[in-house]
Amino acid sequence: MEKKNNSNLYSKRLSREIKDRANRLLIFPEMGKKVDFENIRVISIEHFSLFYEIAKNKIIIISFWDNRRNPKKLLKLLRNN
């Protein structure tokens, strides 16, 4: 990402935000919004979406999606899960 914006500050900030949200998910697994696919939830992190599933004592990350991408590809990915 450094080549795109001539700095790694954005990458570091985004990485910290992702880790922070993942840690919150461990404490509050149901904080994400339910989506139209069974047992899948989503949280937003800037222009990204983290799709996950709650399974017994763990969180399974299904996709870390850039919301600027083609949503049809996301639907295909979620249907195949």
N, C-alpha and C. Protein backbone atom coordinates (compact mmCIF):
# COMPACT_ATOMS: atom_id res chain seq x y z
N MET A 1 0.83 -1.19 0.00
CA MET A 1 0.00 0.00 0.00
C MET A 1 0.88 1.25 0.00
N GLU A 2 2.09 1.16 0.48
CA GLU A 2 2.97 2.31 0.55
C GLU A 2 3.21 2.92 -0.82
N LYS A 3 3.29 2.10 -1.86
CA LYS A 3 3.51 2.61 -3.21
C LYS A 3 2.33 3.45 -3.68
N LYS A 4 1.13 3.13 -3.22
CA LYS A 4 -0.05 3.87 -3.66
C LYS A 4 -0.12 5.27 -3.07
N ASN A 5 0.22 5.42 -1.80
CA ASN A 5 0.05 6.73 -1.17
C ASN A 5 1.34 7.31 -0.59
N ASN A 6 2.47 6.74 -0.94
CA ASN A 6 3.79 7.23 -0.52
C ASN A 6 3.97 7.28 0.99
N SER A 7 3.21 6.51 1.71
CA SER A 7 3.32 6.47 3.16
C SER A 7 2.74 5.15 3.66
N ASN A 8 3.26 4.68 4.78
CA ASN A 8 2.69 3.48 5.37
C ASN A 8 1.79 3.84 6.56
N LEU A 9 1.56 5.12 6.80
CA LEU A 9 0.73 5.54 7.93
C LEU A 9 -0.69 5.01 7.81
N TYR A 10 -1.29 5.09 6.62
CA TYR A 10 -2.65 4.60 6.43
C TYR A 10 -2.70 3.10 6.70
N SER A 11 -1.75 2.36 6.18
CA SER A 11 -1.72 0.90 6.38
C SER A 11 -1.61 0.56 7.86
N LYS A 12 -0.76 1.26 8.57
CA LYS A 12 -0.60 1.01 10.00
C LYS A 12 -1.87 1.34 10.77
N ARG A 13 -2.50 2.46 10.44
CA ARG A 13 -3.73 2.87 11.12
C ARG A 13 -4.84 1.86 10.84
N LEU A 14 -4.97 1.43 9.59
CA LEU A 14 -5.99 0.45 9.23
C LEU A 14 -5.73 -0.88 9.95
N SER A 15 -4.49 -1.30 10.01
CA SER A 15 -4.13 -2.54 10.70
C SER A 15 -4.52 -2.47 12.18
N ARG A 16 -4.24 -1.34 12.83
CA ARG A 16 -4.63 -1.16 14.24
C ARG A 16 -6.14 -1.22 14.40
N GLU A 17 -6.86 -0.59 13.48
CA GLU A 17 -8.33 -0.58 13.55
C GLU A 17 -8.89 -1.99 13.37
N ILE A 18 -8.33 -2.76 12.46
CA ILE A 18 -8.78 -4.14 12.24
C ILE A 18 -8.54 -4.98 13.49
N LYS A 19 -7.36 -4.85 14.08
CA LYS A 19 -7.05 -5.60 15.30
C LYS A 19 -7.97 -5.20 16.44
N ASP A 20 -8.25 -3.91 16.56
CA ASP A 20 -9.15 -3.42 17.61
C ASP A 20 -10.54 -4.01 17.44
N ARG A 21 -11.07 -3.98 16.22
CA ARG A 21 -12.41 -4.52 15.97
C ARG A 21 -12.44 -6.03 16.19
N ALA A 22 -11.39 -6.73 15.78
CA ALA A 22 -11.34 -8.19 15.99
C ALA A 22 -11.34 -8.52 17.48
N ASN A 23 -10.61 -7.75 18.26
CA ASN A 23 -10.61 -7.97 19.72
C ASN A 23 -11.98 -7.69 20.32
N ARG A 24 -12.67 -6.66 19.83
CA ARG A 24 -14.03 -6.39 20.32
C ARG A 24 -14.98 -7.52 19.95
N LEU A 25 -14.78 -8.10 18.77
CA LEU A 25 -15.62 -9.23 18.36
C LEU A 25 -15.48 -10.40 19.32
N LEU A 26 -14.29 -10.61 19.84
CA LEU A 26 -14.08 -11.69 20.81
C LEU A 26 -14.90 -11.47 22.07
N ILE A 27 -15.07 -10.22 22.46
CA ILE A 27 -15.83 -9.89 23.66
C ILE A 27 -17.33 -9.80 23.37
N PHE A 28 -17.67 -9.20 22.22
CA PHE A 28 -19.06 -8.99 21.82
C PHE A 28 -19.30 -9.60 20.44
N PRO A 29 -19.36 -10.91 20.33
CA PRO A 29 -19.45 -11.56 19.02
C PRO A 29 -20.70 -11.21 18.22
N GLU A 30 -21.75 -10.78 18.89
CA GLU A 30 -22.98 -10.46 18.18
C GLU A 30 -23.10 -8.98 17.83
N MET A 31 -22.01 -8.23 17.92
CA MET A 31 -22.07 -6.80 17.64
C MET A 31 -22.28 -6.49 16.17
N GLY A 32 -21.93 -7.42 15.29
CA GLY A 32 -22.09 -7.20 13.87
C GLY A 32 -23.54 -7.30 13.44
N LYS A 33 -23.84 -6.66 12.33
CA LYS A 33 -25.19 -6.68 11.78
C LYS A 33 -25.42 -7.99 11.04
N LYS A 34 -26.59 -8.59 11.27
CA LYS A 34 -26.95 -9.81 10.54
C LYS A 34 -27.14 -9.46 9.06
N VAL A 35 -26.75 -10.39 8.20
CA VAL A 35 -26.97 -10.23 6.76
C VAL A 35 -27.93 -11.30 6.29
N ASP A 36 -28.24 -11.31 5.02
CA ASP A 36 -29.24 -12.22 4.47
C ASP A 36 -28.77 -13.67 4.34
N PHE A 37 -27.57 -13.96 4.77
CA PHE A 37 -27.05 -15.32 4.71
C PHE A 37 -27.01 -15.88 6.13
N GLU A 38 -27.47 -17.10 6.28
CA GLU A 38 -27.61 -17.71 7.60
C GLU A 38 -26.31 -17.70 8.39
N ASN A 39 -26.40 -17.24 9.63
CA ASN A 39 -25.30 -17.23 10.60
C ASN A 39 -24.16 -16.28 10.25
N ILE A 40 -24.31 -15.44 9.27
CA ILE A 40 -23.24 -14.52 8.89
C ILE A 40 -23.58 -13.11 9.38
N ARG A 41 -22.57 -12.46 9.91
CA ARG A 41 -22.69 -11.07 10.37
C ARG A 41 -21.59 -10.24 9.71
N VAL A 42 -21.75 -8.92 9.81
CA VAL A 42 -20.77 -8.02 9.19
C VAL A 42 -20.54 -6.81 10.08
N ILE A 43 -19.29 -6.36 10.09
CA ILE A 43 -18.94 -5.08 10.70
C ILE A 43 -18.20 -4.27 9.64
N SER A 44 -18.36 -2.95 9.72
CA SER A 44 -17.69 -2.06 8.77
C SER A 44 -16.45 -1.47 9.41
N ILE A 45 -15.41 -1.39 8.60
CA ILE A 45 -14.15 -0.77 9.01
C ILE A 45 -13.72 0.12 7.85
N GLU A 46 -13.99 1.41 7.98
CA GLU A 46 -13.76 2.37 6.91
C GLU A 46 -14.52 1.92 5.66
N HIS A 47 -13.85 1.73 4.52
CA HIS A 47 -14.57 1.28 3.32
C HIS A 47 -14.40 -0.23 3.09
N PHE A 48 -14.21 -0.93 4.18
CA PHE A 48 -14.11 -2.39 4.15
C PHE A 48 -15.24 -2.99 4.99
N SER A 49 -15.58 -4.23 4.69
CA SER A 49 -16.54 -4.98 5.50
C SER A 49 -15.91 -6.30 5.90
N LEU A 50 -16.06 -6.64 7.16
CA LEU A 50 -15.56 -7.90 7.67
C LEU A 50 -16.77 -8.81 7.91
N PHE A 51 -16.86 -9.87 7.11
CA PHE A 51 -17.94 -10.84 7.24
C PHE A 51 -17.44 -11.99 8.09
N TYR A 52 -18.26 -12.41 9.06
CA TYR A 52 -17.82 -13.46 9.97
C TYR A 52 -19.00 -14.30 10.42
N GLU A 53 -18.65 -15.43 11.00
CA GLU A 53 -19.64 -16.35 11.54
C GLU A 53 -19.24 -16.71 12.97
N ILE A 54 -20.22 -16.84 13.84
CA ILE A 54 -19.97 -17.26 15.22
C ILE A 54 -20.15 -18.77 15.27
N ALA A 55 -19.11 -19.47 15.73
CA ALA A 55 -19.17 -20.93 15.83
C ALA A 55 -18.64 -21.36 17.19
N LYS A 56 -19.52 -21.91 18.00
CA LYS A 56 -19.18 -22.36 19.36
C LYS A 56 -18.35 -21.32 20.08
N ASN A 57 -17.07 -21.56 20.30
CA ASN A 57 -16.22 -20.63 21.05
C ASN A 57 -15.24 -19.89 20.17
N LYS A 58 -15.60 -19.67 18.90
CA LYS A 58 -14.67 -18.96 18.02
C LYS A 58 -15.41 -18.13 16.99
N ILE A 59 -14.69 -17.20 16.40
CA ILE A 59 -15.18 -16.36 15.32
C ILE A 59 -14.46 -16.81 14.05
N ILE A 60 -15.24 -17.09 13.01
CA ILE A 60 -14.66 -17.50 11.73
C ILE A 60 -14.83 -16.34 10.76
N ILE A 61 -13.72 -15.79 10.31
CA ILE A 61 -13.77 -14.69 9.34
C ILE A 61 -13.96 -15.30 7.96
N ILE A 62 -15.03 -14.88 7.31
CA ILE A 62 -15.37 -15.40 5.99
C ILE A 62 -14.75 -14.54 4.90
N SER A 63 -14.78 -13.23 5.10
CA SER A 63 -14.22 -12.35 4.07
C SER A 63 -13.90 -10.99 4.67
N PHE A 64 -12.82 -10.42 4.20
CA PHE A 64 -12.49 -9.02 4.48
C PHE A 64 -12.62 -8.34 3.13
N TRP A 65 -13.70 -7.60 2.95
CA TRP A 65 -14.12 -7.14 1.63
C TRP A 65 -13.93 -5.64 1.46
N ASP A 66 -13.32 -5.25 0.35
CA ASP A 66 -13.21 -3.84 -0.02
C ASP A 66 -14.54 -3.46 -0.69
N ASN A 67 -15.28 -2.57 -0.07
CA ASN A 67 -16.61 -2.22 -0.56
C ASN A 67 -16.62 -1.50 -1.90
N ARG A 68 -15.45 -1.16 -2.41
CA ARG A 68 -15.38 -0.52 -3.73
C ARG A 68 -15.36 -1.56 -4.85
N ARG A 69 -15.26 -2.84 -4.48
CA ARG A 69 -15.23 -3.92 -5.47
C ARG A 69 -16.63 -4.28 -5.93
N ASN A 70 -16.69 -5.10 -6.95
CA ASN A 70 -17.95 -5.54 -7.54
C ASN A 70 -18.76 -6.36 -6.52
N PRO A 71 -19.95 -5.88 -6.14
CA PRO A 71 -20.74 -6.60 -5.13
C PRO A 71 -21.22 -7.97 -5.60
N LYS A 72 -21.31 -8.20 -6.90
CA LYS A 72 -21.72 -9.51 -7.40
C LYS A 72 -20.71 -10.58 -7.01
N LYS A 73 -19.44 -10.22 -6.97
CA LYS A 73 -18.40 -11.17 -6.55
C LYS A 73 -18.56 -11.51 -5.06
N LEU A 74 -18.95 -10.52 -4.27
CA LEU A 74 -19.18 -10.77 -2.85
C LEU A 74 -20.35 -11.73 -2.66
N LEU A 75 -21.43 -11.49 -3.38
CA LEU A 75 -22.59 -12.39 -3.27
C LEU A 75 -22.21 -13.83 -3.62
N LYS A 76 -21.43 -13.97 -4.65
CA LYS A 76 -20.97 -15.32 -5.06
C LYS A 76 -20.15 -15.97 -3.94
N LEU A 77 -19.26 -15.19 -3.36
CA LEU A 77 -18.41 -15.69 -2.28
C LEU A 77 -19.25 -16.13 -1.08
N LEU A 78 -20.23 -15.30 -0.71
CA LEU A 78 -21.05 -15.61 0.46
C LEU A 78 -21.97 -16.81 0.19
N ARG A 79 -22.46 -16.92 -1.02
CA ARG A 79 -23.32 -18.07 -1.36
C ARG A 79 -22.54 -19.37 -1.31
N ASN A 80 -21.27 -19.33 -1.68
CA ASN A 80 -20.45 -20.53 -1.70
C ASN A 80 -19.94 -20.94 -0.32
N ASN A 81 -20.14 -20.08 0.65
CA ASN A 81 -19.65 -20.37 2.00
C ASN A 81 -20.41 -21.50 2.65
